[in-house]
Amino acid sequence: MAWHTDCCMADTVRRLTATGDVDVEYVVDEELPDGRLVIRADTSAEAIRRRGGLEQISADAFTERFGQLPTDDEG
């Protein structure tokens, strides 16, 4: 298991990655006095992109690939 600490708007987010047959990322919500951890699945957009093997593209690359798409007010 590996610990990762990210800083996000002055809040420190502790992440736990469990590796084995399946690699899973968790966010540590709380560490109890006896050492147990309260964890939850990491459902951040960044974690979802990592799990899906996706990468974020720039606005220019999006326009190049998809062109000018109509907006909601264009019908």
N, C-alpha and C. Protein backbone atom coordinates (compact mmCIF):
# COMPACT_ATOMS: atom_id res chain seq x y z
N MET A 1 0.84 -1.17 0.00
CA MET A 1 0.00 0.00 0.00
C MET A 1 0.89 1.23 0.00
N ALA A 2 0.40 2.28 -0.62
CA ALA A 2 1.15 3.52 -0.70
C ALA A 2 0.28 4.67 -0.23
N TRP A 3 0.91 5.60 0.46
CA TRP A 3 0.21 6.80 0.90
C TRP A 3 0.55 7.94 -0.03
N HIS A 4 -0.43 8.74 -0.37
CA HIS A 4 -0.23 9.95 -1.16
C HIS A 4 -0.94 11.07 -0.42
N THR A 5 -0.31 12.22 -0.34
CA THR A 5 -0.95 13.38 0.27
C THR A 5 -1.03 14.47 -0.78
N ASP A 6 -2.25 14.91 -1.08
CA ASP A 6 -2.47 15.99 -2.04
C ASP A 6 -2.94 17.22 -1.28
N CYS A 7 -2.61 18.37 -1.80
CA CYS A 7 -3.07 19.61 -1.20
C CYS A 7 -4.10 20.24 -2.12
N CYS A 8 -5.26 20.52 -1.59
CA CYS A 8 -6.33 21.06 -2.41
C CYS A 8 -7.02 22.19 -1.64
N MET A 9 -6.77 23.43 -2.03
CA MET A 9 -7.41 24.58 -1.40
C MET A 9 -7.28 24.57 0.12
N ALA A 10 -6.07 24.40 0.60
CA ALA A 10 -5.73 24.44 2.01
C ALA A 10 -6.19 23.21 2.79
N ASP A 11 -6.91 22.29 2.16
CA ASP A 11 -7.28 21.03 2.82
C ASP A 11 -6.32 19.95 2.35
N THR A 12 -5.81 19.18 3.29
CA THR A 12 -4.93 18.09 2.92
C THR A 12 -5.77 16.83 2.76
N VAL A 13 -5.64 16.19 1.60
CA VAL A 13 -6.36 14.96 1.31
C VAL A 13 -5.35 13.83 1.34
N ARG A 14 -5.59 12.87 2.21
CA ARG A 14 -4.70 11.71 2.27
C ARG A 14 -5.31 10.59 1.45
N ARG A 15 -4.52 10.04 0.54
CA ARG A 15 -4.98 8.97 -0.35
C ARG A 15 -4.22 7.70 -0.05
N LEU A 16 -4.89 6.60 -0.21
CA LEU A 16 -4.30 5.29 0.02
C LEU A 16 -4.50 4.47 -1.24
N THR A 17 -3.42 3.89 -1.77
CA THR A 17 -3.51 3.03 -2.94
C THR A 17 -3.19 1.61 -2.50
N ALA A 18 -4.14 0.70 -2.68
CA ALA A 18 -3.95 -0.71 -2.38
C ALA A 18 -3.66 -1.42 -3.70
N THR A 19 -2.57 -2.16 -3.74
CA THR A 19 -2.22 -2.88 -4.96
C THR A 19 -2.22 -4.37 -4.70
N GLY A 20 -2.54 -5.11 -5.72
CA GLY A 20 -2.60 -6.56 -5.65
C GLY A 20 -3.22 -7.05 -6.92
N ASP A 21 -4.21 -7.94 -6.82
CA ASP A 21 -4.93 -8.39 -8.02
C ASP A 21 -5.64 -7.23 -8.68
N VAL A 22 -6.08 -6.27 -7.87
CA VAL A 22 -6.75 -5.07 -8.37
C VAL A 22 -6.12 -3.87 -7.66
N ASP A 23 -5.82 -2.83 -8.43
CA ASP A 23 -5.31 -1.60 -7.83
C ASP A 23 -6.49 -0.70 -7.54
N VAL A 24 -6.61 -0.26 -6.29
CA VAL A 24 -7.74 0.55 -5.86
C VAL A 24 -7.23 1.77 -5.13
N GLU A 25 -7.85 2.92 -5.39
CA GLU A 25 -7.48 4.16 -4.72
C GLU A 25 -8.56 4.54 -3.72
N TYR A 26 -8.15 4.92 -2.53
CA TYR A 26 -9.06 5.34 -1.47
C TYR A 26 -8.67 6.72 -0.97
N VAL A 27 -9.62 7.39 -0.35
CA VAL A 27 -9.37 8.64 0.37
C VAL A 27 -9.55 8.31 1.85
N VAL A 28 -8.59 8.74 2.67
CA VAL A 28 -8.66 8.50 4.11
C VAL A 28 -9.49 9.62 4.72
N ASP A 29 -10.65 9.27 5.27
CA ASP A 29 -11.51 10.26 5.90
C ASP A 29 -11.10 10.55 7.34
N GLU A 30 -10.64 9.51 8.03
CA GLU A 30 -10.33 9.67 9.45
C GLU A 30 -9.39 8.58 9.90
N GLU A 31 -8.50 8.93 10.83
CA GLU A 31 -7.65 7.92 11.47
C GLU A 31 -8.07 7.86 12.93
N LEU A 32 -8.55 6.71 13.36
CA LEU A 32 -9.06 6.53 14.72
C LEU A 32 -7.91 6.39 15.71
N PRO A 33 -8.15 6.66 16.99
CA PRO A 33 -7.09 6.59 18.00
C PRO A 33 -6.39 5.24 18.06
N ASP A 34 -7.10 4.16 17.73
CA ASP A 34 -6.47 2.84 17.78
C ASP A 34 -5.73 2.48 16.48
N GLY A 35 -5.65 3.44 15.53
CA GLY A 35 -4.90 3.23 14.31
C GLY A 35 -5.73 2.79 13.11
N ARG A 36 -6.99 2.43 13.34
CA ARG A 36 -7.84 2.05 12.21
C ARG A 36 -8.13 3.27 11.35
N LEU A 37 -8.34 3.01 10.06
CA LEU A 37 -8.63 4.07 9.12
C LEU A 37 -10.06 3.98 8.63
N VAL A 38 -10.70 5.13 8.49
CA VAL A 38 -12.01 5.21 7.86
C VAL A 38 -11.73 5.68 6.44
N ILE A 39 -12.02 4.81 5.45
CA ILE A 39 -11.68 5.13 4.07
C ILE A 39 -12.91 5.06 3.17
N ARG A 40 -12.80 5.68 1.99
CA ARG A 40 -13.85 5.60 0.98
C ARG A 40 -13.17 5.59 -0.38
N ALA A 41 -13.86 5.10 -1.37
CA ALA A 41 -13.31 5.06 -2.71
C ALA A 41 -13.03 6.48 -3.20
N ASP A 42 -11.94 6.64 -3.94
CA ASP A 42 -11.61 7.95 -4.52
C ASP A 42 -12.43 8.11 -5.79
N THR A 43 -13.44 8.99 -5.73
CA THR A 43 -14.33 9.21 -6.87
C THR A 43 -14.07 10.57 -7.52
N SER A 44 -12.89 11.13 -7.29
CA SER A 44 -12.56 12.41 -7.91
C SER A 44 -12.43 12.23 -9.42
N ALA A 45 -12.62 13.31 -10.16
CA ALA A 45 -12.50 13.25 -11.61
C ALA A 45 -11.11 12.77 -12.02
N GLU A 46 -10.10 13.22 -11.30
CA GLU A 46 -8.72 12.81 -11.61
C GLU A 46 -8.56 11.30 -11.44
N ALA A 47 -9.09 10.73 -10.36
CA ALA A 47 -8.97 9.29 -10.12
C ALA A 47 -9.75 8.49 -11.17
N ILE A 48 -10.92 8.98 -11.55
CA ILE A 48 -11.72 8.29 -12.56
C ILE A 48 -10.99 8.29 -13.90
N ARG A 49 -10.38 9.43 -14.25
CA ARG A 49 -9.60 9.48 -15.50
C ARG A 49 -8.42 8.51 -15.45
N ARG A 50 -7.72 8.45 -14.31
CA ARG A 50 -6.59 7.52 -14.18
C ARG A 50 -7.04 6.08 -14.35
N ARG A 51 -8.14 5.71 -13.67
CA ARG A 51 -8.63 4.33 -13.76
C ARG A 51 -9.06 3.98 -15.17
N GLY A 52 -9.62 4.95 -15.89
CA GLY A 52 -10.09 4.70 -17.25
C GLY A 52 -9.02 4.87 -18.31
N GLY A 53 -7.81 5.26 -17.89
CA GLY A 53 -6.75 5.49 -18.85
C GLY A 53 -7.02 6.69 -19.74
N LEU A 54 -7.74 7.67 -19.20
CA LEU A 54 -8.12 8.85 -19.96
C LEU A 54 -7.20 10.02 -19.63
N GLU A 55 -7.10 10.93 -20.54
CA GLU A 55 -6.35 12.15 -20.26
C GLU A 55 -7.18 13.35 -20.69
N GLN A 56 -7.04 14.43 -19.97
CA GLN A 56 -7.80 15.64 -20.27
C GLN A 56 -7.14 16.34 -21.46
N ILE A 57 -7.95 16.82 -22.40
CA ILE A 57 -7.39 17.51 -23.55
C ILE A 57 -7.65 19.01 -23.42
N SER A 58 -6.83 19.78 -24.11
CA SER A 58 -6.97 21.24 -24.06
C SER A 58 -8.19 21.66 -24.88
N ALA A 59 -8.62 22.90 -24.66
CA ALA A 59 -9.76 23.44 -25.41
C ALA A 59 -9.44 23.49 -26.90
N ASP A 60 -8.19 23.83 -27.24
CA ASP A 60 -7.80 23.88 -28.66
C ASP A 60 -7.86 22.50 -29.29
N ALA A 61 -7.38 21.47 -28.59
CA ALA A 61 -7.41 20.11 -29.12
C ALA A 61 -8.86 19.63 -29.27
N PHE A 62 -9.73 20.01 -28.33
CA PHE A 62 -11.15 19.64 -28.43
C PHE A 62 -11.78 20.26 -29.68
N THR A 63 -11.53 21.56 -29.89
CA THR A 63 -12.08 22.26 -31.05
C THR A 63 -11.55 21.66 -32.34
N GLU A 64 -10.27 21.32 -32.35
CA GLU A 64 -9.66 20.72 -33.54
C GLU A 64 -10.32 19.38 -33.86
N ARG A 65 -10.60 18.59 -32.84
CA ARG A 65 -11.17 17.26 -33.05
C ARG A 65 -12.66 17.31 -33.36
N PHE A 66 -13.43 18.14 -32.65
CA PHE A 66 -14.89 18.13 -32.76
C PHE A 66 -15.47 19.34 -33.47
N GLY A 67 -14.66 20.35 -33.75
CA GLY A 67 -15.16 21.54 -34.43
C GLY A 67 -16.02 22.38 -33.51
N GLN A 68 -16.76 23.27 -34.08
CA GLN A 68 -17.65 24.15 -33.32
C GLN A 68 -18.98 23.46 -33.14
N LEU A 69 -19.26 22.98 -31.97
CA LEU A 69 -20.54 22.32 -31.69
C LEU A 69 -21.58 23.38 -31.34
N PRO A 70 -22.84 23.14 -31.67
CA PRO A 70 -23.88 24.12 -31.34
C PRO A 70 -24.06 24.24 -29.82
N THR A 71 -24.41 25.43 -29.37
CA THR A 71 -24.70 25.63 -27.95
C THR A 71 -26.17 25.36 -27.71
N ASP A 72 -26.58 25.31 -26.46
CA ASP A 72 -27.97 25.03 -26.10
C ASP A 72 -28.95 26.02 -26.72
N ASP A 73 -28.54 27.27 -26.83
CA ASP A 73 -29.48 28.27 -27.34
C ASP A 73 -29.54 28.31 -28.88
N GLU A 74 -28.80 27.41 -29.52
CA GLU A 74 -28.84 27.37 -30.99
C GLU A 74 -29.81 26.30 -31.51
N GLY A 75 -30.62 25.76 -30.65
CA GLY A 75 -31.66 24.85 -31.09
C GLY A 75 -31.35 23.44 -30.97
